[in-house]
Amino acid sequence: MTLNDIIKATSAEVLTNADISTKDATGCYVCDLLSLAMSKVCAGDVWITVQANVNIAAVAVLTEAACVLVAEGMHIEDSVIAKANNEGVVILRTQMSAFAAAVAIGKLL
C-alpha cells in the first residue's frame, strides 16, 4: 500500500516535507511505549501512536518505519516536525483513534 492510500483511508494530513509519492508501507504497528516500539516496529511499517514528542522521529529512523501516524489529532510542536524533516521521516496526523486508524489500514493490507 502507498502512503497516499493510508492518507486517504485515515483522512490524515501530511506534516513533514518528505516525499511520499514513492513510499510504500508493508505493515502496521500500534504502540505508545517508545521502548517497545523500538523493538517491534518493522521496516516499512506505519507506526500509529499518540506520542508527539521529538523521540518519534528517532524511533522512526531507528526502525525504518514508512511513517509515523499520530492519532487523536494530537498537537505536534514545530521542533518535532523540523527534526523529522531533517531525518527524512514522514509524519502524518489523523483525527481518528489509534484503533480506528489501524482498522482502516488493516483493510488496505
N, C-alpha and C. Protein backbone atom coordinates (compact mmCIF):
# COMPACT_ATOMS: atom_id res chain seq x y z
N MET A 1 0.84 -1.17 0.00
CA MET A 1 0.00 0.00 0.00
C MET A 1 0.89 1.23 0.00
N THR A 2 0.41 2.27 -0.62
CA THR A 2 1.19 3.51 -0.67
C THR A 2 0.82 4.41 0.51
N LEU A 3 1.67 5.36 0.78
CA LEU A 3 1.33 6.32 1.82
C LEU A 3 0.12 7.15 1.41
N ASN A 4 -0.05 7.37 0.13
CA ASN A 4 -1.25 8.08 -0.32
C ASN A 4 -2.51 7.28 0.01
N ASP A 5 -2.44 5.95 -0.10
CA ASP A 5 -3.57 5.10 0.29
C ASP A 5 -3.89 5.28 1.77
N ILE A 6 -2.85 5.34 2.58
CA ILE A 6 -3.01 5.49 4.03
C ILE A 6 -3.60 6.85 4.36
N ILE A 7 -3.10 7.87 3.70
CA ILE A 7 -3.61 9.22 3.92
C ILE A 7 -5.10 9.29 3.60
N LYS A 8 -5.47 8.70 2.50
CA LYS A 8 -6.88 8.71 2.09
C LYS A 8 -7.74 7.91 3.08
N ALA A 9 -7.29 6.73 3.47
CA ALA A 9 -8.07 5.84 4.33
C ALA A 9 -8.26 6.40 5.74
N THR A 10 -7.30 7.22 6.19
CA THR A 10 -7.35 7.74 7.56
C THR A 10 -7.64 9.24 7.62
N SER A 11 -7.89 9.84 6.46
CA SER A 11 -8.11 11.29 6.37
C SER A 11 -6.98 12.04 7.08
N ALA A 12 -5.77 11.58 6.84
CA ALA A 12 -4.60 12.15 7.52
C ALA A 12 -4.07 13.37 6.79
N GLU A 13 -3.40 14.21 7.54
CA GLU A 13 -2.70 15.33 6.95
C GLU A 13 -1.20 15.05 7.04
N VAL A 14 -0.47 15.49 6.04
CA VAL A 14 0.97 15.32 6.00
C VAL A 14 1.61 16.52 6.69
N LEU A 15 2.42 16.26 7.70
CA LEU A 15 3.02 17.34 8.48
C LEU A 15 4.47 17.63 8.10
N THR A 16 5.10 16.70 7.44
CA THR A 16 6.52 16.86 7.08
C THR A 16 6.66 16.99 5.57
N ASN A 17 7.85 17.32 5.14
CA ASN A 17 8.06 17.56 3.71
C ASN A 17 8.74 16.40 2.98
N ALA A 18 8.86 15.26 3.62
CA ALA A 18 9.46 14.10 2.95
C ALA A 18 8.58 13.68 1.77
N ASP A 19 9.20 13.19 0.73
CA ASP A 19 8.48 12.77 -0.47
C ASP A 19 7.69 11.50 -0.18
N ILE A 20 6.38 11.59 -0.27
CA ILE A 20 5.54 10.42 -0.01
C ILE A 20 5.13 9.71 -1.29
N SER A 21 5.40 10.30 -2.43
CA SER A 21 4.90 9.74 -3.69
C SER A 21 5.52 8.38 -4.02
N THR A 22 6.69 8.11 -3.51
CA THR A 22 7.35 6.85 -3.85
C THR A 22 7.43 5.90 -2.66
N LYS A 23 6.86 6.28 -1.52
CA LYS A 23 6.96 5.45 -0.32
C LYS A 23 5.80 4.49 -0.22
N ASP A 24 6.13 3.27 0.12
CA ASP A 24 5.13 2.24 0.38
C ASP A 24 5.23 1.78 1.82
N ALA A 25 4.14 1.25 2.32
CA ALA A 25 4.13 0.65 3.65
C ALA A 25 3.75 -0.82 3.50
N THR A 26 4.32 -1.63 4.36
CA THR A 26 4.10 -3.07 4.25
C THR A 26 3.40 -3.67 5.46
N GLY A 27 3.18 -2.85 6.49
CA GLY A 27 2.53 -3.35 7.69
C GLY A 27 2.13 -2.20 8.58
N CYS A 28 1.71 -2.54 9.78
CA CYS A 28 1.23 -1.53 10.72
C CYS A 28 1.51 -2.01 12.14
N TYR A 29 1.91 -1.08 12.99
CA TYR A 29 2.13 -1.39 14.40
C TYR A 29 1.58 -0.24 15.23
N VAL A 30 0.85 -0.57 16.28
CA VAL A 30 0.24 0.43 17.15
C VAL A 30 0.84 0.30 18.54
N CYS A 31 1.45 1.39 19.02
CA CYS A 31 2.07 1.36 20.35
C CYS A 31 2.45 2.76 20.76
N ASP A 32 2.25 3.07 22.04
CA ASP A 32 2.65 4.38 22.55
C ASP A 32 3.89 4.32 23.44
N LEU A 33 4.33 3.14 23.77
CA LEU A 33 5.53 2.99 24.60
C LEU A 33 6.75 2.98 23.68
N LEU A 34 7.56 4.03 23.74
CA LEU A 34 8.66 4.19 22.79
C LEU A 34 9.64 3.03 22.83
N SER A 35 9.98 2.54 24.01
CA SER A 35 10.95 1.45 24.09
C SER A 35 10.41 0.18 23.44
N LEU A 36 9.12 -0.06 23.55
CA LEU A 36 8.53 -1.23 22.90
C LEU A 36 8.46 -1.02 21.39
N ALA A 37 8.09 0.17 20.98
CA ALA A 37 8.04 0.47 19.55
C ALA A 37 9.41 0.28 18.91
N MET A 38 10.47 0.66 19.62
CA MET A 38 11.83 0.50 19.08
C MET A 38 12.14 -0.95 18.76
N SER A 39 11.58 -1.86 19.52
CA SER A 39 11.89 -3.27 19.29
C SER A 39 10.86 -4.00 18.44
N LYS A 40 9.71 -3.39 18.19
CA LYS A 40 8.63 -4.09 17.49
C LYS A 40 8.24 -3.52 16.13
N VAL A 41 8.45 -2.22 15.92
CA VAL A 41 8.13 -1.64 14.61
C VAL A 41 9.09 -2.23 13.59
N CYS A 42 8.56 -2.74 12.51
CA CYS A 42 9.38 -3.33 11.45
C CYS A 42 9.61 -2.31 10.34
N ALA A 43 10.69 -2.47 9.62
CA ALA A 43 10.96 -1.63 8.47
C ALA A 43 9.76 -1.67 7.53
N GLY A 44 9.30 -0.51 7.13
CA GLY A 44 8.15 -0.43 6.23
C GLY A 44 6.81 -0.31 6.92
N ASP A 45 6.78 -0.41 8.25
CA ASP A 45 5.52 -0.30 8.99
C ASP A 45 5.04 1.14 9.07
N VAL A 46 3.73 1.28 9.14
CA VAL A 46 3.11 2.51 9.61
C VAL A 46 3.08 2.36 11.12
N TRP A 47 3.68 3.30 11.82
CA TRP A 47 3.66 3.25 13.29
C TRP A 47 2.60 4.23 13.76
N ILE A 48 1.57 3.72 14.40
CA ILE A 48 0.49 4.55 14.93
C ILE A 48 0.73 4.78 16.41
N THR A 49 0.66 6.05 16.81
CA THR A 49 0.91 6.42 18.20
C THR A 49 0.18 7.72 18.52
N VAL A 50 0.04 8.01 19.80
CA VAL A 50 -0.41 9.34 20.22
C VAL A 50 0.76 10.15 20.77
N GLN A 51 1.94 9.55 20.78
CA GLN A 51 3.13 10.29 21.19
C GLN A 51 3.39 11.41 20.19
N ALA A 52 3.81 12.54 20.67
CA ALA A 52 4.04 13.67 19.77
C ALA A 52 5.34 14.41 20.09
N ASN A 53 6.24 13.76 20.79
CA ASN A 53 7.50 14.42 21.13
C ASN A 53 8.58 14.07 20.11
N VAL A 54 9.72 14.70 20.23
CA VAL A 54 10.79 14.57 19.25
C VAL A 54 11.29 13.13 19.12
N ASN A 55 11.07 12.31 20.12
CA ASN A 55 11.54 10.92 20.07
C ASN A 55 10.83 10.08 19.02
N ILE A 56 9.67 10.53 18.54
CA ILE A 56 9.00 9.74 17.50
C ILE A 56 9.83 9.73 16.21
N ALA A 57 10.52 10.83 15.93
CA ALA A 57 11.38 10.87 14.75
C ALA A 57 12.55 9.91 14.91
N ALA A 58 13.13 9.88 16.10
CA ALA A 58 14.26 8.98 16.34
C ALA A 58 13.85 7.52 16.21
N VAL A 59 12.71 7.17 16.76
CA VAL A 59 12.23 5.78 16.67
C VAL A 59 11.94 5.42 15.22
N ALA A 60 11.36 6.35 14.47
CA ALA A 60 11.06 6.08 13.06
C ALA A 60 12.34 5.84 12.26
N VAL A 61 13.37 6.61 12.55
CA VAL A 61 14.66 6.42 11.86
C VAL A 61 15.26 5.08 12.26
N LEU A 62 15.29 4.79 13.54
CA LEU A 62 15.88 3.55 14.05
C LEU A 62 15.21 2.32 13.46
N THR A 63 13.90 2.35 13.35
CA THR A 63 13.14 1.17 12.91
C THR A 63 12.89 1.14 11.40
N GLU A 64 13.23 2.24 10.73
CA GLU A 64 12.97 2.39 9.29
C GLU A 64 11.48 2.28 8.98
N ALA A 65 10.66 2.87 9.87
CA ALA A 65 9.22 2.90 9.65
C ALA A 65 8.91 3.68 8.38
N ALA A 66 7.86 3.28 7.68
CA ALA A 66 7.44 4.01 6.48
C ALA A 66 6.96 5.40 6.86
N CYS A 67 6.29 5.49 8.01
CA CYS A 67 5.81 6.77 8.50
C CYS A 67 5.34 6.62 9.93
N VAL A 68 5.15 7.75 10.56
CA VAL A 68 4.53 7.80 11.88
C VAL A 68 3.16 8.42 11.67
N LEU A 69 2.12 7.75 12.13
CA LEU A 69 0.77 8.27 12.05
C LEU A 69 0.34 8.62 13.47
N VAL A 70 0.24 9.90 13.74
CA VAL A 70 -0.14 10.37 15.07
C VAL A 70 -1.67 10.45 15.11
N ALA A 71 -2.25 9.70 16.03
CA ALA A 71 -3.70 9.59 16.14
C ALA A 71 -4.27 10.65 17.08
N GLU A 72 -5.58 10.71 17.11
CA GLU A 72 -6.33 11.58 18.03
C GLU A 72 -6.09 13.06 17.78
N GLY A 73 -5.51 13.42 16.62
CA GLY A 73 -5.28 14.82 16.30
C GLY A 73 -4.33 15.53 17.25
N MET A 74 -3.43 14.75 17.86
CA MET A 74 -2.50 15.33 18.85
C MET A 74 -1.69 16.47 18.23
N HIS A 75 -1.46 17.49 19.02
CA HIS A 75 -0.64 18.64 18.58
C HIS A 75 0.82 18.22 18.53
N ILE A 76 1.47 18.60 17.45
CA ILE A 76 2.89 18.28 17.29
C ILE A 76 3.66 19.60 17.15
N GLU A 77 4.61 19.78 18.02
CA GLU A 77 5.41 21.01 18.03
C GLU A 77 6.22 21.15 16.74
N ASP A 78 6.48 22.40 16.37
CA ASP A 78 7.27 22.68 15.18
C ASP A 78 8.67 22.07 15.26
N SER A 79 9.22 21.98 16.46
CA SER A 79 10.56 21.40 16.63
C SER A 79 10.57 19.92 16.28
N VAL A 80 9.48 19.23 16.54
CA VAL A 80 9.38 17.81 16.20
C VAL A 80 9.29 17.67 14.68
N ILE A 81 8.51 18.50 14.06
CA ILE A 81 8.38 18.46 12.60
C ILE A 81 9.71 18.80 11.94
N ALA A 82 10.42 19.78 12.48
CA ALA A 82 11.73 20.15 11.94
C ALA A 82 12.71 18.99 12.04
N LYS A 83 12.73 18.32 13.19
CA LYS A 83 13.62 17.16 13.37
C LYS A 83 13.26 16.06 12.37
N ALA A 84 11.97 15.78 12.22
CA ALA A 84 11.54 14.76 11.26
C ALA A 84 11.94 15.15 9.84
N ASN A 85 11.78 16.41 9.49
CA ASN A 85 12.20 16.86 8.16
C ASN A 85 13.69 16.65 7.95
N ASN A 86 14.49 16.95 8.96
CA ASN A 86 15.94 16.75 8.86
C ASN A 86 16.31 15.29 8.68
N GLU A 87 15.51 14.42 9.25
CA GLU A 87 15.80 12.98 9.19
C GLU A 87 15.08 12.27 8.05
N GLY A 88 14.25 12.99 7.30
CA GLY A 88 13.50 12.37 6.19
C GLY A 88 12.36 11.49 6.66
N VAL A 89 11.83 11.77 7.84
CA VAL A 89 10.73 10.99 8.41
C VAL A 89 9.40 11.60 8.00
N VAL A 90 8.48 10.75 7.58
CA VAL A 90 7.13 11.19 7.25
C VAL A 90 6.29 11.11 8.51
N ILE A 91 5.71 12.25 8.89
CA ILE A 91 4.75 12.27 10.00
C ILE A 91 3.40 12.67 9.44
N LEU A 92 2.43 11.84 9.73
CA LEU A 92 1.04 12.10 9.35
C LEU A 92 0.24 12.28 10.63
N ARG A 93 -0.87 13.00 10.53
CA ARG A 93 -1.75 13.15 11.70
C ARG A 93 -3.19 12.92 11.27
N THR A 94 -3.89 12.14 12.08
CA THR A 94 -5.30 11.86 11.83
C THR A 94 -6.12 12.20 13.07
N GLN A 95 -7.36 12.53 12.87
CA GLN A 95 -8.27 12.77 13.97
C GLN A 95 -8.83 11.45 14.51
N MET A 96 -8.63 10.36 13.78
CA MET A 96 -9.12 9.05 14.19
C MET A 96 -8.42 8.57 15.46
N SER A 97 -9.08 7.67 16.16
CA SER A 97 -8.41 6.98 17.26
C SER A 97 -7.37 6.04 16.67
N ALA A 98 -6.45 5.60 17.50
CA ALA A 98 -5.44 4.65 17.03
C ALA A 98 -6.12 3.37 16.53
N PHE A 99 -7.14 2.92 17.25
CA PHE A 99 -7.87 1.71 16.83
C PHE A 99 -8.51 1.90 15.47
N ALA A 100 -9.24 2.98 15.29
CA ALA A 100 -9.92 3.23 14.02
C ALA A 100 -8.92 3.35 12.87
N ALA A 101 -7.80 4.00 13.12
CA ALA A 101 -6.77 4.13 12.08
C ALA A 101 -6.19 2.77 11.72
N ALA A 102 -5.95 1.93 12.73
CA ALA A 102 -5.41 0.59 12.48
C ALA A 102 -6.40 -0.25 11.68
N VAL A 103 -7.67 -0.14 12.00
CA VAL A 103 -8.69 -0.88 11.25
C VAL A 103 -8.70 -0.41 9.79
N ALA A 104 -8.66 0.90 9.57
CA ALA A 104 -8.66 1.43 8.22
C ALA A 104 -7.44 0.96 7.43
N ILE A 105 -6.29 0.95 8.08
CA ILE A 105 -5.07 0.49 7.40
C ILE A 105 -5.13 -1.02 7.19
N GLY A 106 -5.66 -1.75 8.16
CA GLY A 106 -5.79 -3.20 8.01
C GLY A 106 -6.60 -3.58 6.79
N LYS A 107 -7.57 -2.79 6.43
CA LYS A 107 -8.39 -3.06 5.24
C LYS A 107 -7.60 -2.89 3.96
N LEU A 108 -6.49 -2.17 4.04
CA LEU A 108 -5.64 -1.96 2.86
C LEU A 108 -4.64 -3.09 2.65
N LEU A 109 -4.37 -3.84 3.71
CA LEU A 109 -3.35 -4.90 3.62
C LEU A 109 -3.87 -6.12 2.87
